[in-house]
Every structure is written in structure tokens, then in C-alpha cells.
Amino acid sequence: ALSQANDMVDCPYFRTNFLNITKGFEQDLAARDSFTIYICVSGTASISTDNGEVAVKKGETVLIPALANRIRIKTDGTKLLEVTI
């Protein structure tokens, strides 16, 4: 569950959201015409699309390609920065 999503930066060049995720979370990306970058700032998570899955921990970054239609995040608690254009 996404317990909190806060816009941090929203400008013509990119957008950054702070995501506080307490357990499993799914997001539909089909309407998003951009790659998505997730930067883990706390905790650990497993981030997956239809094309694969990767584990991420504090200090690591994951690039989700624009062709991904859905993302699934499994965690017991993580904080992520989500960056899109």
C-alpha cells in the first residue's frame, strides 16, 4: 500500500515524487509516455514489470523503460523517489 505520495519537484523538464510504501503496491503505467526512475532512499523492495524483477535497497536506482505498462513493488517498508519526464 502506498501510504503517502508527495510531489517534490514538478517542472517542464521532470517530475519527482516521494513514495512511502508500506507493503505491496501496483501502478498502471500504460498512460505514461516516459521512462520511470526509482531511487531507493530507505528500506528494500522488489520491483517488477512483465519483463522481469529486480531487488533494490537503500542507495540503489532502477530504470523502468517507457514500454512497461504495469509495475509491481513488493516490500515490508520502503521509501522511493519516483522520477519521470
N, C-alpha and C. Protein backbone atom coordinates (compact mmCIF):
# COMPACT_ATOMS: atom_id res chain seq x y z
N ALA A 1 0.84 -1.18 0.00
CA ALA A 1 0.00 0.00 0.00
C ALA A 1 0.88 1.23 0.00
N LEU A 2 0.46 2.21 -0.75
CA LEU A 2 1.16 3.48 -0.80
C LEU A 2 0.58 4.34 0.30
N SER A 3 1.33 4.58 1.36
CA SER A 3 0.79 5.33 2.47
C SER A 3 0.88 6.84 2.25
N GLN A 4 1.79 7.23 1.36
CA GLN A 4 1.96 8.66 1.15
C GLN A 4 2.68 8.90 -0.16
N ALA A 5 2.18 9.83 -0.96
CA ALA A 5 2.87 10.26 -2.18
C ALA A 5 2.91 11.78 -2.17
N ASN A 6 4.09 12.33 -2.21
CA ASN A 6 4.25 13.78 -2.18
C ASN A 6 5.01 14.25 -3.41
N ASP A 7 4.47 15.25 -4.09
CA ASP A 7 5.20 15.89 -5.17
C ASP A 7 6.35 16.68 -4.57
N MET A 8 7.57 16.43 -5.06
CA MET A 8 8.72 17.18 -4.58
C MET A 8 9.12 18.24 -5.59
N VAL A 9 9.16 17.85 -6.88
CA VAL A 9 9.54 18.77 -7.95
C VAL A 9 8.61 18.51 -9.12
N ASP A 10 8.07 19.57 -9.69
CA ASP A 10 7.24 19.46 -10.89
C ASP A 10 7.57 20.65 -11.77
N CYS A 11 8.41 20.41 -12.79
CA CYS A 11 8.83 21.47 -13.69
C CYS A 11 8.69 20.98 -15.12
N PRO A 12 8.94 21.81 -16.12
CA PRO A 12 8.79 21.37 -17.51
C PRO A 12 9.73 20.23 -17.92
N TYR A 13 10.78 19.99 -17.16
CA TYR A 13 11.80 19.02 -17.55
C TYR A 13 11.66 17.65 -16.89
N PHE A 14 11.16 17.62 -15.67
CA PHE A 14 10.98 16.35 -14.96
C PHE A 14 10.07 16.55 -13.76
N ARG A 15 9.62 15.41 -13.22
CA ARG A 15 8.77 15.42 -12.02
C ARG A 15 9.34 14.40 -11.04
N THR A 16 9.41 14.76 -9.78
CA THR A 16 9.89 13.85 -8.74
C THR A 16 8.84 13.74 -7.65
N ASN A 17 8.46 12.50 -7.34
CA ASN A 17 7.53 12.21 -6.24
C ASN A 17 8.25 11.41 -5.17
N PHE A 18 7.87 11.63 -3.93
CA PHE A 18 8.36 10.82 -2.81
C PHE A 18 7.29 9.80 -2.48
N LEU A 19 7.64 8.52 -2.52
CA LEU A 19 6.68 7.45 -2.25
C LEU A 19 7.06 6.72 -0.97
N ASN A 20 6.15 6.67 -0.03
CA ASN A 20 6.34 5.91 1.21
C ASN A 20 5.45 4.67 1.09
N ILE A 21 6.04 3.51 0.84
CA ILE A 21 5.29 2.30 0.56
C ILE A 21 5.46 1.34 1.73
N THR A 22 4.34 0.92 2.30
CA THR A 22 4.38 0.09 3.50
C THR A 22 4.23 -1.40 3.21
N LYS A 23 3.67 -1.76 2.06
CA LYS A 23 3.57 -3.17 1.64
C LYS A 23 3.33 -3.18 0.14
N GLY A 24 2.90 -4.29 -0.43
CA GLY A 24 2.73 -4.42 -1.87
C GLY A 24 1.97 -3.26 -2.50
N PHE A 25 2.39 -2.90 -3.71
CA PHE A 25 1.81 -1.77 -4.42
C PHE A 25 1.92 -2.02 -5.92
N GLU A 26 0.84 -1.76 -6.66
CA GLU A 26 0.85 -1.86 -8.13
C GLU A 26 0.48 -0.51 -8.72
N GLN A 27 1.08 -0.22 -9.87
CA GLN A 27 0.79 1.04 -10.54
C GLN A 27 0.66 0.80 -12.03
N ASP A 28 -0.38 1.35 -12.64
CA ASP A 28 -0.60 1.26 -14.08
C ASP A 28 0.20 2.37 -14.75
N LEU A 29 1.12 2.01 -15.63
CA LEU A 29 1.96 2.98 -16.32
C LEU A 29 1.60 3.14 -17.79
N ALA A 30 0.52 2.49 -18.24
CA ALA A 30 0.17 2.48 -19.66
C ALA A 30 -0.01 3.88 -20.24
N ALA A 31 -0.55 4.80 -19.48
CA ALA A 31 -0.79 6.16 -19.98
C ALA A 31 0.46 7.04 -19.88
N ARG A 32 1.49 6.56 -19.20
CA ARG A 32 2.72 7.35 -19.02
C ARG A 32 3.59 7.18 -20.25
N ASP A 33 3.95 8.27 -20.88
CA ASP A 33 4.78 8.24 -22.08
C ASP A 33 6.22 8.63 -21.71
N SER A 34 6.77 7.93 -20.74
CA SER A 34 8.09 8.27 -20.23
C SER A 34 8.68 7.07 -19.51
N PHE A 35 9.99 7.04 -19.45
CA PHE A 35 10.64 6.09 -18.56
C PHE A 35 10.34 6.52 -17.13
N THR A 36 10.58 5.64 -16.18
CA THR A 36 10.42 5.96 -14.76
C THR A 36 11.68 5.51 -14.04
N ILE A 37 12.21 6.37 -13.21
CA ILE A 37 13.38 6.05 -12.40
C ILE A 37 12.93 5.96 -10.95
N TYR A 38 13.28 4.87 -10.27
CA TYR A 38 13.03 4.73 -8.84
C TYR A 38 14.37 4.73 -8.12
N ILE A 39 14.51 5.61 -7.14
CA ILE A 39 15.70 5.70 -6.32
C ILE A 39 15.29 5.30 -4.90
N CYS A 40 15.90 4.26 -4.38
CA CYS A 40 15.56 3.78 -3.04
C CYS A 40 16.32 4.62 -2.00
N VAL A 41 15.59 5.30 -1.13
CA VAL A 41 16.22 6.13 -0.11
C VAL A 41 16.10 5.51 1.29
N SER A 42 15.32 4.42 1.40
CA SER A 42 15.18 3.74 2.69
C SER A 42 14.56 2.36 2.47
N GLY A 43 15.03 1.37 3.22
CA GLY A 43 14.44 0.04 3.15
C GLY A 43 14.88 -0.75 1.94
N THR A 44 14.10 -1.78 1.63
CA THR A 44 14.36 -2.64 0.47
C THR A 44 13.04 -2.92 -0.23
N ALA A 45 13.13 -3.31 -1.50
CA ALA A 45 11.92 -3.62 -2.26
C ALA A 45 12.30 -4.53 -3.44
N SER A 46 11.30 -5.18 -3.98
CA SER A 46 11.41 -5.94 -5.22
C SER A 46 10.51 -5.23 -6.23
N ILE A 47 11.08 -4.77 -7.32
CA ILE A 47 10.34 -4.02 -8.33
C ILE A 47 10.27 -4.87 -9.59
N SER A 48 9.04 -5.09 -10.10
CA SER A 48 8.90 -5.95 -11.27
C SER A 48 7.95 -5.36 -12.30
N THR A 49 8.21 -5.74 -13.55
CA THR A 49 7.33 -5.46 -14.69
C THR A 49 7.08 -6.81 -15.35
N ASP A 50 6.38 -6.80 -16.48
CA ASP A 50 6.15 -8.03 -17.21
C ASP A 50 7.45 -8.61 -17.78
N ASN A 51 8.51 -7.81 -17.82
CA ASN A 51 9.78 -8.23 -18.41
C ASN A 51 10.82 -8.70 -17.40
N GLY A 52 10.52 -8.62 -16.11
CA GLY A 52 11.49 -9.08 -15.13
C GLY A 52 11.31 -8.43 -13.77
N GLU A 53 12.18 -8.83 -12.85
CA GLU A 53 12.11 -8.36 -11.48
C GLU A 53 13.52 -8.07 -10.98
N VAL A 54 13.65 -7.03 -10.14
CA VAL A 54 14.94 -6.67 -9.58
C VAL A 54 14.75 -6.26 -8.12
N ALA A 55 15.73 -6.64 -7.29
CA ALA A 55 15.72 -6.21 -5.89
C ALA A 55 16.47 -4.89 -5.79
N VAL A 56 15.99 -4.02 -4.92
CA VAL A 56 16.62 -2.72 -4.72
C VAL A 56 16.71 -2.44 -3.23
N LYS A 57 17.81 -1.81 -2.82
CA LYS A 57 17.99 -1.42 -1.43
C LYS A 57 18.47 0.03 -1.39
N LYS A 58 18.52 0.57 -0.19
CA LYS A 58 18.91 1.97 0.01
C LYS A 58 20.16 2.31 -0.79
N GLY A 59 20.07 3.41 -1.57
CA GLY A 59 21.19 3.87 -2.37
C GLY A 59 21.19 3.37 -3.80
N GLU A 60 20.29 2.43 -4.14
CA GLU A 60 20.27 1.88 -5.49
C GLU A 60 19.16 2.52 -6.33
N THR A 61 19.34 2.45 -7.65
CA THR A 61 18.43 3.07 -8.61
C THR A 61 17.99 2.04 -9.64
N VAL A 62 16.72 2.12 -10.06
CA VAL A 62 16.16 1.23 -11.08
C VAL A 62 15.54 2.09 -12.18
N LEU A 63 15.83 1.75 -13.43
CA LEU A 63 15.24 2.43 -14.58
C LEU A 63 14.18 1.52 -15.19
N ILE A 64 12.94 1.99 -15.23
CA ILE A 64 11.83 1.25 -15.84
C ILE A 64 11.60 1.87 -17.22
N PRO A 65 11.69 1.07 -18.30
CA PRO A 65 11.52 1.64 -19.64
C PRO A 65 10.09 2.11 -19.90
N ALA A 66 9.95 3.02 -20.84
CA ALA A 66 8.65 3.60 -21.17
C ALA A 66 7.66 2.56 -21.68
N LEU A 67 8.14 1.44 -22.22
CA LEU A 67 7.22 0.43 -22.75
C LEU A 67 6.55 -0.40 -21.65
N ALA A 68 6.98 -0.28 -20.41
CA ALA A 68 6.36 -1.03 -19.31
C ALA A 68 4.95 -0.50 -19.05
N ASN A 69 3.97 -1.40 -19.00
CA ASN A 69 2.58 -0.99 -18.78
C ASN A 69 2.15 -1.04 -17.32
N ARG A 70 2.82 -1.85 -16.53
CA ARG A 70 2.44 -2.03 -15.13
C ARG A 70 3.69 -2.31 -14.32
N ILE A 71 3.71 -1.79 -13.11
CA ILE A 71 4.81 -2.05 -12.19
C ILE A 71 4.25 -2.59 -10.89
N ARG A 72 4.97 -3.54 -10.31
CA ARG A 72 4.60 -4.11 -9.01
C ARG A 72 5.78 -3.94 -8.06
N ILE A 73 5.49 -3.42 -6.88
CA ILE A 73 6.52 -3.23 -5.87
C ILE A 73 6.14 -4.06 -4.65
N LYS A 74 7.03 -4.99 -4.26
CA LYS A 74 6.82 -5.80 -3.07
C LYS A 74 7.80 -5.31 -2.00
N THR A 75 7.30 -5.06 -0.79
CA THR A 75 8.16 -4.57 0.28
C THR A 75 7.47 -4.73 1.62
N ASP A 76 8.26 -4.71 2.66
CA ASP A 76 7.74 -4.61 4.02
C ASP A 76 7.88 -3.18 4.52
N GLY A 77 8.38 -2.31 3.68
CA GLY A 77 8.55 -0.90 4.01
C GLY A 77 9.72 -0.32 3.26
N THR A 78 9.45 0.64 2.40
CA THR A 78 10.50 1.32 1.64
C THR A 78 10.07 2.74 1.32
N LYS A 79 11.04 3.58 1.08
CA LYS A 79 10.80 4.96 0.62
C LYS A 79 11.55 5.13 -0.68
N LEU A 80 10.82 5.55 -1.72
CA LEU A 80 11.39 5.70 -3.05
C LEU A 80 11.16 7.10 -3.57
N LEU A 81 12.12 7.58 -4.37
CA LEU A 81 11.89 8.76 -5.20
C LEU A 81 11.53 8.24 -6.57
N GLU A 82 10.46 8.78 -7.15
CA GLU A 82 10.00 8.39 -8.49
C GLU A 82 10.19 9.57 -9.41
N VAL A 83 11.02 9.41 -10.45
CA VAL A 83 11.35 10.49 -11.37
C VAL A 83 10.85 10.15 -12.76
N THR A 84 10.10 11.07 -13.37
CA THR A 84 9.60 10.91 -14.74
C THR A 84 9.79 12.22 -15.49
N ILE A 85 9.63 12.14 -16.82
CA ILE A 85 9.66 13.38 -17.60
C ILE A 85 8.29 13.60 -18.21
